[in-house]
N, C-alpha and C. Protein backbone atom coordinates (compact mmCIF):
# COMPACT_ATOMS: atom_id res chain seq x y z
N MET A 1 132.53 52.20 116.55
CA MET A 1 131.52 52.57 116.69
C MET A 1 131.83 53.78 118.15
N LYS A 2 131.78 55.07 118.13
CA LYS A 2 132.42 56.14 118.76
C LYS A 2 131.08 56.00 120.16
N THR A 3 131.69 56.32 121.25
CA THR A 3 130.69 56.28 122.33
C THR A 3 130.00 57.67 122.85
N LYS A 4 129.17 57.77 122.99
CA LYS A 4 128.04 58.86 123.35
C LYS A 4 129.13 59.73 124.03
N LYS A 5 129.88 59.94 124.36
CA LYS A 5 130.96 60.80 125.38
C LYS A 5 132.43 60.99 124.00
N GLU A 6 132.72 60.02 123.35
CA GLU A 6 133.50 60.31 122.04
C GLU A 6 132.70 61.60 121.34
N LEU A 7 131.26 61.08 120.85
CA LEU A 7 130.41 61.89 120.03
C LEU A 7 130.33 63.46 120.60
N PHE A 8 129.79 63.28 121.97
CA PHE A 8 130.17 64.30 123.07
C PHE A 8 131.23 65.86 122.63
N LYS A 9 132.42 64.75 122.43
CA LYS A 9 133.73 65.80 123.05
C LYS A 9 133.71 66.52 121.57
N ILE A 10 133.34 65.65 120.40
CA ILE A 10 133.70 65.92 119.21
C ILE A 10 132.33 67.42 118.61
N ILE A 11 130.80 67.20 119.16
CA ILE A 11 130.20 68.09 119.13
C ILE A 11 130.66 69.50 119.64
N LEU A 12 131.24 69.47 120.54
CA LEU A 12 131.57 70.46 122.11
C LEU A 12 133.01 70.22 121.10
N LEU A 13 133.72 70.57 120.36
CA LEU A 13 134.68 71.15 119.92
C LEU A 13 134.46 71.60 118.64
N GLN A 14 133.32 71.39 118.06
CA GLN A 14 133.09 71.63 116.45
C GLN A 14 132.14 73.61 117.34
N LEU A 15 131.33 72.91 118.25
CA LEU A 15 131.29 74.32 118.43
C LEU A 15 131.81 75.48 119.28
N GLY A 16 132.69 74.50 119.86
CA GLY A 16 133.85 75.76 119.88
C GLY A 16 134.83 76.30 119.04
N ILE A 17 135.23 75.95 117.65
CA ILE A 17 135.44 75.75 116.40
C ILE A 17 134.86 77.38 115.88
N ILE A 18 133.58 77.11 115.64
CA ILE A 18 132.47 78.10 115.45
C ILE A 18 132.39 79.35 115.98
N PHE A 19 132.45 78.89 117.45
CA PHE A 19 132.54 80.29 118.57
C PHE A 19 133.34 80.81 118.19
N VAL A 20 134.82 80.26 118.06
CA VAL A 20 136.72 81.16 118.46
C VAL A 20 136.67 81.63 116.90
N PHE A 21 136.12 81.13 115.92
CA PHE A 21 136.18 82.10 114.14
C PHE A 21 135.16 83.05 113.93
N SER A 22 133.67 83.18 114.87
CA SER A 22 133.11 83.59 114.83
C SER A 22 133.97 84.97 115.76
N VAL A 23 134.34 84.76 116.51
CA VAL A 23 134.95 86.11 117.43
C VAL A 23 136.03 86.64 116.66
N ILE A 24 137.29 85.62 115.85
CA ILE A 24 138.16 86.29 114.91
C ILE A 24 137.19 87.25 113.41
N TYR A 25 136.12 86.27 113.27
CA TYR A 25 136.23 87.27 111.97
C TYR A 25 134.85 88.34 112.89
N TYR A 26 134.56 88.28 113.97
CA TYR A 26 134.62 89.80 114.51
C TYR A 26 134.83 90.48 114.32
N ASN A 27 136.32 90.43 114.92
CA ASN A 27 137.49 91.69 115.06
C ASN A 27 138.17 91.70 114.50
N MET A 28 138.27 90.92 113.16
CA MET A 28 138.62 91.82 111.31
C MET A 28 137.82 92.83 111.18
N HIS A 29 138.48 93.60 110.55
CA HIS A 29 137.97 95.00 109.81
C HIS A 29 137.21 93.99 108.71
N SER A 30 135.37 94.82 108.96
CA SER A 30 134.60 94.29 107.78
C SER A 30 134.84 94.52 106.88
N ASP A 31 135.89 95.62 106.18
CA ASP A 31 136.36 95.26 104.88
C ASP A 31 137.44 94.13 104.44
N ASN A 32 137.32 93.05 105.21
CA ASN A 32 137.61 91.62 104.93
C ASN A 32 136.46 90.71 104.19
N PHE A 33 135.45 91.44 103.96
CA PHE A 33 134.06 90.52 103.82
C PHE A 33 133.15 91.23 102.59
N ILE A 34 132.39 90.22 101.89
CA ILE A 34 131.63 91.10 101.10
C ILE A 34 130.06 90.50 101.71
N PHE A 35 129.25 91.48 102.12
CA PHE A 35 128.02 91.56 102.17
C PHE A 35 127.31 91.31 101.31
N ARG A 36 126.41 90.85 100.59
CA ARG A 36 125.46 91.03 99.73
C ARG A 36 123.56 90.94 100.49
N ASN A 37 122.99 91.87 99.54
CA ASN A 37 122.05 92.34 100.10
C ASN A 37 121.54 92.72 101.90
N ARG A 38 122.38 93.61 101.33
CA ARG A 38 122.85 94.36 102.92
C ARG A 38 122.44 95.44 102.55
N ASP A 39 121.01 96.09 103.80
CA ASP A 39 120.41 97.54 103.23
C ASP A 39 120.90 98.25 103.67
N ASN A 40 121.33 98.21 105.58
CA ASN A 40 122.03 99.69 106.27
C ASN A 40 123.40 99.07 106.81
N LYS A 41 124.28 100.02 106.44
CA LYS A 41 125.67 99.99 106.99
C LYS A 41 125.84 99.99 108.38
N LYS A 42 125.16 100.51 108.91
CA LYS A 42 125.12 100.84 110.99
C LYS A 42 125.41 99.64 111.08
N ASP A 43 124.77 98.35 110.79
CA ASP A 43 124.99 97.31 111.03
C ASP A 43 126.09 96.59 110.83
N GLU A 44 127.30 96.77 110.03
CA GLU A 44 128.19 96.33 109.71
C GLU A 44 128.74 94.94 110.24
N ASN A 45 129.21 95.50 111.58
CA ASN A 45 129.97 94.59 112.95
C ASN A 45 129.22 94.54 113.51
N ASN A 46 128.04 93.77 113.33
CA ASN A 46 127.20 92.77 113.97
C ASN A 46 127.98 91.27 114.20
N TYR A 47 128.04 91.22 115.45
CA TYR A 47 127.95 89.91 115.36
C TYR A 47 127.37 88.62 115.48
N LEU A 48 126.47 88.91 115.47
CA LEU A 48 125.87 87.77 114.91
C LEU A 48 125.66 87.42 113.86
N ASP A 49 126.03 88.28 112.49
CA ASP A 49 126.38 88.00 110.98
C ASP A 49 127.64 87.23 111.23
N TYR A 50 128.61 87.47 112.26
CA TYR A 50 129.72 86.61 111.74
C TYR A 50 129.52 85.27 112.53
N PHE A 51 129.12 85.22 113.37
CA PHE A 51 128.45 84.05 114.43
C PHE A 51 128.07 83.04 113.04
N TYR A 52 126.65 83.26 112.40
CA TYR A 52 125.86 83.04 111.42
C TYR A 52 126.60 82.61 110.51
N PHE A 53 127.93 83.35 109.78
CA PHE A 53 128.82 83.19 108.67
C PHE A 53 129.66 81.61 109.60
N SER A 54 130.25 82.06 110.57
CA SER A 54 130.99 80.51 111.02
C SER A 54 130.56 79.76 111.00
N THR A 55 128.74 79.45 111.55
CA THR A 55 128.37 78.31 111.50
C THR A 55 127.92 78.51 110.65
N VAL A 56 127.65 78.44 109.24
CA VAL A 56 127.18 78.20 107.69
C VAL A 56 128.63 77.83 106.95
N THR A 57 129.74 78.80 107.56
CA THR A 57 130.73 77.64 106.74
C THR A 57 131.84 76.26 107.16
N SER A 58 130.88 76.49 108.42
CA SER A 58 131.31 75.12 108.99
C SER A 58 130.05 73.80 108.91
N ALA A 59 128.71 74.34 108.64
CA ALA A 59 128.36 73.18 108.32
C ALA A 59 128.06 73.15 106.85
N SER A 60 128.67 73.94 105.96
CA SER A 60 128.64 73.91 104.21
C SER A 60 129.72 74.85 104.10
N THR A 61 130.07 74.88 102.32
CA THR A 61 130.82 75.96 102.12
C THR A 61 130.01 77.69 102.12
N GLY A 62 128.99 77.55 102.69
CA GLY A 62 128.61 79.34 102.68
C GLY A 62 127.35 78.88 101.69
N PHE A 63 126.55 80.20 102.11
CA PHE A 63 125.35 80.90 100.77
C PHE A 63 125.67 81.68 99.78
N GLY A 64 127.16 82.16 100.48
CA GLY A 64 127.62 83.27 99.23
C GLY A 64 126.95 84.70 99.96
N ASP A 65 126.13 84.76 100.36
CA ASP A 65 125.52 85.99 101.51
C ASP A 65 126.92 86.71 102.01
N ILE A 66 127.49 86.12 102.89
CA ILE A 66 128.95 87.02 103.30
C ILE A 66 129.64 86.10 102.90
N SER A 67 130.55 86.48 102.11
CA SER A 67 131.85 85.85 101.93
C SER A 67 133.54 86.75 101.94
N PRO A 68 134.52 85.94 102.12
CA PRO A 68 135.32 86.57 102.31
C PRO A 68 136.10 87.15 101.49
N LYS A 69 136.84 88.45 101.24
CA LYS A 69 137.30 89.38 100.16
C LYS A 69 138.51 89.19 100.05
N THR A 70 139.37 89.81 101.36
CA THR A 70 140.57 89.82 101.01
C THR A 70 141.71 88.28 101.22
N THR A 71 142.88 88.34 101.11
CA THR A 71 143.64 87.03 100.89
C THR A 71 143.57 85.98 102.36
N ILE A 72 143.08 87.05 103.38
CA ILE A 72 143.99 87.04 104.93
C ILE A 72 142.41 86.34 105.65
N ALA A 73 141.40 87.12 104.81
CA ALA A 73 140.10 86.80 105.04
C ALA A 73 140.19 85.24 104.61
N LYS A 74 140.38 84.78 103.68
CA LYS A 74 140.14 83.40 102.17
C LYS A 74 140.94 82.31 103.24
N VAL A 75 142.05 82.83 103.70
CA VAL A 75 143.20 82.04 104.34
C VAL A 75 142.38 81.69 105.93
N ILE A 76 142.13 82.20 106.57
CA ILE A 76 141.19 81.75 107.87
C ILE A 76 140.12 81.07 107.56
N VAL A 77 138.95 81.84 106.77
CA VAL A 77 138.09 80.75 106.15
C VAL A 77 138.20 79.07 105.53
N THR A 78 139.21 79.60 105.12
CA THR A 78 140.05 77.80 104.73
C THR A 78 139.87 77.06 105.47
N LEU A 79 141.24 77.89 106.72
CA LEU A 79 141.68 76.93 107.71
C LEU A 79 140.23 76.63 108.87
N GLN A 80 139.18 77.27 108.56
CA GLN A 80 138.01 76.99 109.64
C GLN A 80 137.51 75.59 108.98
N ILE A 81 137.20 75.33 108.31
CA ILE A 81 137.09 74.28 106.81
C ILE A 81 137.48 73.37 107.16
N LEU A 82 138.88 73.28 107.01
CA LEU A 82 140.01 72.38 107.52
C LEU A 82 139.82 72.01 108.73
N LEU A 83 139.60 72.14 109.50
CA LEU A 83 139.21 72.34 111.34
C LEU A 83 138.12 71.39 111.29
N THR A 84 137.04 71.91 110.83
CA THR A 84 135.49 71.58 110.67
C THR A 84 135.71 69.77 110.25
N TYR A 85 136.18 69.60 108.73
CA TYR A 85 136.63 68.29 108.06
C TYR A 85 137.23 67.47 108.91
N THR A 86 138.41 68.12 109.43
CA THR A 86 139.24 67.16 110.15
C THR A 86 138.68 66.69 111.60
N ASN A 87 137.54 67.64 112.37
CA ASN A 87 136.64 67.35 113.61
C ASN A 87 135.98 66.45 112.96
N ILE A 88 135.52 66.70 111.93
CA ILE A 88 133.93 65.48 111.62
C ILE A 88 134.48 64.62 110.89
N LEU A 89 135.37 64.15 110.66
CA LEU A 89 136.09 63.15 110.30
C LEU A 89 136.60 62.12 111.49
N ARG A 90 136.84 62.68 112.77
CA ARG A 90 137.19 62.38 113.46
C ARG A 90 135.93 60.66 113.80
N ILE A 91 134.96 61.14 113.64
CA ILE A 91 133.61 60.22 113.93
C ILE A 91 133.86 58.96 113.31
N PHE A 92 134.15 59.12 112.00
CA PHE A 92 134.47 57.70 111.11
C PHE A 92 135.54 57.08 111.60
N ILE A 93 136.30 57.70 112.26
CA ILE A 93 138.13 57.03 112.45
C ILE A 93 137.87 56.58 113.99
């Protein structure tokens, strides 16, 4: 069983993963992603959208409202998923 301190470190690392990847996504050109159900083009590079995408990607495999379009975006999203699974696996090991 993990101690509270160890669990806190795992949670903190996961929050860091979400934050770092949301910054990476935000700094990538929006052409790397597909935004479904978007009415307004002026909000195309909104940080909150990328933070949301990073959080949903870490919590599941996503809802599909934002998805990677290019190969580099797919590779980076896959890296985030693998890091998240590895971090969550640390709870049980």
